[in-house]
Amino acid sequence: METQGTRIKKIRQALNLSQDEFGKVFGISKQFVSLLEKDRTQLNNDKLVKLLLDYNININYLLGGIGEMFIPPKFEQAQKELALQIREVLREEGLIK
């Protein structure tokens, strides 16, 4: 069964980023990226939202392995609006800064 860590690795590879480069984008170490990909830790909400917004990642794929990795262009704006709404709710609940 494919895990979230496996999907993060596939996303990183699809973006042609090394673990070090991926880590720099999110302000995390290469070692932390390795732990993510091995499912020994998870991205916090801030970093999940950044991944969704900055790289047009399908939230359904990232969290559940459903659908395509990237949002098709025709749904890109709806995804961005949804991600912004998620970010606002997480802020209101004090789960992100």
N, C-alpha and C. Protein backbone atom coordinates (compact mmCIF):
# COMPACT_ATOMS: atom_id res chain seq x y z
N MET A 1 0.84 -1.18 0.00
CA MET A 1 0.00 0.00 0.00
C MET A 1 0.89 1.25 0.00
N GLU A 2 0.52 2.21 -0.82
CA GLU A 2 1.28 3.45 -0.90
C GLU A 2 0.97 4.34 0.29
N THR A 3 2.00 4.90 0.90
CA THR A 3 1.84 5.75 2.08
C THR A 3 2.01 7.21 1.69
N GLN A 4 1.69 8.10 2.64
CA GLN A 4 1.88 9.52 2.41
C GLN A 4 3.36 9.82 2.15
N GLY A 5 4.23 9.16 2.86
CA GLY A 5 5.66 9.35 2.65
C GLY A 5 6.09 8.97 1.25
N THR A 6 5.55 7.87 0.74
CA THR A 6 5.84 7.44 -0.62
C THR A 6 5.34 8.48 -1.61
N ARG A 7 4.15 9.04 -1.35
CA ARG A 7 3.60 10.06 -2.24
C ARG A 7 4.44 11.34 -2.19
N ILE A 8 4.92 11.72 -1.02
CA ILE A 8 5.78 12.90 -0.92
C ILE A 8 7.06 12.67 -1.73
N LYS A 9 7.62 11.49 -1.64
CA LYS A 9 8.81 11.18 -2.42
C LYS A 9 8.52 11.27 -3.92
N LYS A 10 7.39 10.73 -4.35
CA LYS A 10 7.01 10.80 -5.76
C LYS A 10 6.82 12.25 -6.21
N ILE A 11 6.21 13.06 -5.35
CA ILE A 11 6.03 14.48 -5.66
C ILE A 11 7.39 15.15 -5.81
N ARG A 12 8.27 14.92 -4.85
CA ARG A 12 9.60 15.52 -4.89
C ARG A 12 10.33 15.12 -6.17
N GLN A 13 10.25 13.85 -6.52
CA GLN A 13 10.91 13.38 -7.73
C GLN A 13 10.27 13.96 -8.99
N ALA A 14 8.95 14.08 -9.00
CA ALA A 14 8.27 14.67 -10.15
C ALA A 14 8.66 16.14 -10.34
N LEU A 15 8.98 16.80 -9.24
CA LEU A 15 9.42 18.20 -9.30
C LEU A 15 10.92 18.31 -9.58
N ASN A 16 11.57 17.16 -9.74
CA ASN A 16 13.02 17.10 -10.01
C ASN A 16 13.84 17.81 -8.94
N LEU A 17 13.47 17.56 -7.68
CA LEU A 17 14.19 18.14 -6.55
C LEU A 17 14.89 17.04 -5.76
N SER A 18 16.11 17.31 -5.35
CA SER A 18 16.79 16.39 -4.43
C SER A 18 16.16 16.56 -3.05
N GLN A 19 16.48 15.67 -2.14
CA GLN A 19 15.98 15.82 -0.77
C GLN A 19 16.46 17.13 -0.17
N ASP A 20 17.69 17.50 -0.46
CA ASP A 20 18.25 18.74 0.06
C ASP A 20 17.51 19.95 -0.51
N GLU A 21 17.27 19.96 -1.82
CA GLU A 21 16.55 21.07 -2.46
C GLU A 21 15.12 21.17 -1.95
N PHE A 22 14.46 20.04 -1.82
CA PHE A 22 13.08 20.00 -1.31
C PHE A 22 13.06 20.55 0.11
N GLY A 23 14.00 20.14 0.92
CA GLY A 23 14.08 20.62 2.29
C GLY A 23 14.27 22.12 2.37
N LYS A 24 15.13 22.67 1.51
CA LYS A 24 15.37 24.11 1.51
C LYS A 24 14.11 24.90 1.18
N VAL A 25 13.30 24.38 0.26
CA VAL A 25 12.05 25.03 -0.10
C VAL A 25 11.14 25.17 1.13
N PHE A 26 11.15 24.16 1.98
CA PHE A 26 10.24 24.13 3.12
C PHE A 26 10.90 24.48 4.45
N GLY A 27 12.18 24.81 4.40
CA GLY A 27 12.88 25.17 5.64
C GLY A 27 13.09 23.99 6.57
N ILE A 28 13.31 22.82 5.97
CA ILE A 28 13.56 21.61 6.76
C ILE A 28 14.85 20.96 6.26
N SER A 29 15.42 20.11 7.05
CA SER A 29 16.68 19.47 6.68
C SER A 29 16.46 18.29 5.73
N LYS A 30 17.54 17.91 5.07
CA LYS A 30 17.52 16.74 4.20
C LYS A 30 17.13 15.50 5.03
N GLN A 31 17.63 15.44 6.26
CA GLN A 31 17.32 14.31 7.13
C GLN A 31 15.81 14.25 7.45
N PHE A 32 15.20 15.44 7.64
CA PHE A 32 13.77 15.47 7.91
C PHE A 32 12.99 14.99 6.68
N VAL A 33 13.45 15.38 5.49
CA VAL A 33 12.81 14.91 4.25
C VAL A 33 12.89 13.40 4.18
N SER A 34 14.03 12.85 4.53
CA SER A 34 14.20 11.40 4.53
C SER A 34 13.21 10.74 5.49
N LEU A 35 13.05 11.33 6.66
CA LEU A 35 12.09 10.80 7.64
C LEU A 35 10.65 10.89 7.11
N LEU A 36 10.34 11.98 6.41
CA LEU A 36 9.01 12.12 5.80
C LEU A 36 8.75 10.99 4.83
N GLU A 37 9.73 10.76 3.98
CA GLU A 37 9.57 9.75 2.93
C GLU A 37 9.51 8.33 3.49
N LYS A 38 10.01 8.15 4.71
CA LYS A 38 9.95 6.85 5.37
C LYS A 38 8.77 6.76 6.34
N ASP A 39 7.90 7.79 6.33
CA ASP A 39 6.72 7.84 7.20
C ASP A 39 7.06 7.84 8.68
N ARG A 40 8.20 8.39 9.03
CA ARG A 40 8.58 8.47 10.44
C ARG A 40 8.19 9.81 11.05
N THR A 41 7.75 10.75 10.20
CA THR A 41 7.24 12.04 10.64
C THR A 41 6.33 12.57 9.55
N GLN A 42 5.68 13.71 9.80
CA GLN A 42 4.79 14.30 8.80
C GLN A 42 5.03 15.79 8.71
N LEU A 43 4.67 16.35 7.55
CA LEU A 43 4.74 17.80 7.39
C LEU A 43 3.68 18.44 8.28
N ASN A 44 4.02 19.60 8.86
CA ASN A 44 3.00 20.31 9.64
C ASN A 44 2.04 21.00 8.67
N ASN A 45 0.98 21.55 9.21
CA ASN A 45 -0.07 22.14 8.38
C ASN A 45 0.44 23.27 7.50
N ASP A 46 1.31 24.14 8.03
CA ASP A 46 1.87 25.23 7.23
C ASP A 46 2.56 24.70 5.98
N LYS A 47 3.35 23.69 6.16
CA LYS A 47 4.13 23.16 5.05
C LYS A 47 3.25 22.37 4.06
N LEU A 48 2.22 21.71 4.57
CA LEU A 48 1.27 21.03 3.67
C LEU A 48 0.58 22.05 2.77
N VAL A 49 0.11 23.15 3.36
CA VAL A 49 -0.58 24.18 2.58
C VAL A 49 0.38 24.78 1.55
N LYS A 50 1.63 25.02 1.95
CA LYS A 50 2.63 25.56 1.02
C LYS A 50 2.82 24.59 -0.15
N LEU A 51 2.90 23.31 0.12
CA LEU A 51 3.07 22.32 -0.93
C LEU A 51 1.88 22.36 -1.89
N LEU A 52 0.69 22.46 -1.34
CA LEU A 52 -0.51 22.50 -2.17
C LEU A 52 -0.56 23.75 -3.03
N LEU A 53 -0.28 24.90 -2.42
CA LEU A 53 -0.39 26.17 -3.15
C LEU A 53 0.76 26.39 -4.12
N ASP A 54 1.97 26.20 -3.67
CA ASP A 54 3.13 26.55 -4.50
C ASP A 54 3.38 25.56 -5.63
N TYR A 55 2.96 24.32 -5.46
CA TYR A 55 3.27 23.31 -6.47
C TYR A 55 2.04 22.69 -7.11
N ASN A 56 0.86 23.23 -6.81
CA ASN A 56 -0.37 22.78 -7.45
C ASN A 56 -0.62 21.28 -7.25
N ILE A 57 -0.33 20.82 -6.03
CA ILE A 57 -0.51 19.41 -5.69
C ILE A 57 -1.97 19.15 -5.34
N ASN A 58 -2.49 18.06 -5.78
CA ASN A 58 -3.85 17.63 -5.49
C ASN A 58 -3.91 17.14 -4.04
N ILE A 59 -4.68 17.81 -3.21
CA ILE A 59 -4.78 17.45 -1.79
C ILE A 59 -5.28 16.01 -1.62
N ASN A 60 -6.18 15.58 -2.49
CA ASN A 60 -6.69 14.21 -2.40
C ASN A 60 -5.59 13.19 -2.67
N TYR A 61 -4.69 13.51 -3.60
CA TYR A 61 -3.58 12.62 -3.86
C TYR A 61 -2.62 12.60 -2.67
N LEU A 62 -2.25 13.78 -2.20
CA LEU A 62 -1.27 13.87 -1.12
C LEU A 62 -1.74 13.14 0.13
N LEU A 63 -2.97 13.39 0.54
CA LEU A 63 -3.45 12.82 1.79
C LEU A 63 -3.99 11.40 1.67
N GLY A 64 -4.57 11.07 0.51
CA GLY A 64 -5.19 9.75 0.42
C GLY A 64 -4.82 8.91 -0.78
N GLY A 65 -3.97 9.44 -1.65
CA GLY A 65 -3.59 8.68 -2.83
C GLY A 65 -4.69 8.59 -3.87
N ILE A 66 -5.61 9.56 -3.83
CA ILE A 66 -6.75 9.54 -4.75
C ILE A 66 -6.53 10.57 -5.86
N GLY A 67 -6.70 10.14 -7.09
CA GLY A 67 -6.60 11.05 -8.21
C GLY A 67 -5.17 11.27 -8.67
N GLU A 68 -5.00 12.31 -9.45
CA GLU A 68 -3.71 12.65 -10.03
C GLU A 68 -2.86 13.45 -9.04
N MET A 69 -1.55 13.39 -9.22
CA MET A 69 -0.63 14.10 -8.34
C MET A 69 -0.83 15.62 -8.41
N PHE A 70 -0.95 16.13 -9.62
CA PHE A 70 -1.10 17.57 -9.83
C PHE A 70 -2.52 17.90 -10.25
N ILE A 71 -2.96 19.09 -9.88
CA ILE A 71 -4.30 19.55 -10.26
C ILE A 71 -4.29 19.92 -11.74
N PRO A 72 -5.26 19.42 -12.50
CA PRO A 72 -5.35 19.84 -13.90
C PRO A 72 -5.58 21.35 -13.98
N PRO A 73 -5.03 22.01 -14.99
CA PRO A 73 -5.14 23.47 -15.09
C PRO A 73 -6.57 23.99 -14.95
N LYS A 74 -7.56 23.27 -15.45
CA LYS A 74 -8.93 23.77 -15.38
C LYS A 74 -9.45 23.83 -13.94
N PHE A 75 -8.84 23.09 -13.01
CA PHE A 75 -9.26 23.11 -11.61
C PHE A 75 -8.29 23.86 -10.70
N GLU A 76 -7.24 24.41 -11.29
CA GLU A 76 -6.18 25.03 -10.51
C GLU A 76 -6.71 26.16 -9.62
N GLN A 77 -7.53 27.04 -10.16
CA GLN A 77 -8.03 28.17 -9.38
C GLN A 77 -8.90 27.68 -8.22
N ALA A 78 -9.74 26.70 -8.46
CA ALA A 78 -10.60 26.17 -7.39
C ALA A 78 -9.73 25.55 -6.29
N GLN A 79 -8.67 24.84 -6.66
CA GLN A 79 -7.76 24.23 -5.68
C GLN A 79 -7.09 25.32 -4.84
N LYS A 80 -6.63 26.38 -5.50
CA LYS A 80 -5.96 27.46 -4.78
C LYS A 80 -6.91 28.13 -3.79
N GLU A 81 -8.15 28.36 -4.22
CA GLU A 81 -9.15 28.97 -3.33
C GLU A 81 -9.43 28.05 -2.14
N LEU A 82 -9.57 26.76 -2.39
CA LEU A 82 -9.81 25.81 -1.33
C LEU A 82 -8.63 25.78 -0.35
N ALA A 83 -7.42 25.76 -0.87
CA ALA A 83 -6.24 25.74 -0.01
C ALA A 83 -6.16 27.01 0.83
N LEU A 84 -6.51 28.15 0.26
CA LEU A 84 -6.52 29.40 1.03
C LEU A 84 -7.57 29.35 2.14
N GLN A 85 -8.71 28.77 1.84
CA GLN A 85 -9.75 28.62 2.86
C GLN A 85 -9.29 27.68 3.97
N ILE A 86 -8.63 26.60 3.60
CA ILE A 86 -8.10 25.66 4.59
C ILE A 86 -7.09 26.37 5.47
N ARG A 87 -6.20 27.15 4.86
CA ARG A 87 -5.19 27.90 5.61
C ARG A 87 -5.87 28.84 6.61
N GLU A 88 -6.92 29.53 6.19
CA GLU A 88 -7.61 30.47 7.07
C GLU A 88 -8.26 29.75 8.25
N VAL A 89 -8.89 28.62 8.00
CA VAL A 89 -9.50 27.84 9.08
C VAL A 89 -8.44 27.37 10.06
N LEU A 90 -7.32 26.88 9.55
CA LEU A 90 -6.24 26.42 10.42
C LEU A 90 -5.69 27.56 11.26
N ARG A 91 -5.59 28.76 10.68
CA ARG A 91 -5.15 29.93 11.45
C ARG A 91 -6.14 30.27 12.55
N GLU A 92 -7.43 30.29 12.19
CA GLU A 92 -8.46 30.62 13.17
C GLU A 92 -8.47 29.64 14.33
N GLU A 93 -8.15 28.40 14.05
CA GLU A 93 -8.12 27.37 15.09
C GLU A 93 -6.79 27.32 15.84
N GLY A 94 -5.84 28.17 15.42
CA GLY A 94 -4.55 28.22 16.08
C GLY A 94 -3.62 27.06 15.73
N LEU A 95 -3.91 26.39 14.62
CA LEU A 95 -3.11 25.24 14.23
C LEU A 95 -1.91 25.62 13.38
N ILE A 96 -1.96 26.82 12.77
CA ILE A 96 -0.81 27.35 12.04
C ILE A 96 -0.70 28.83 12.36
N LYS A 97 0.46 29.40 12.01
CA LYS A 97 0.70 30.83 12.25
C LYS A 97 0.11 31.67 11.16
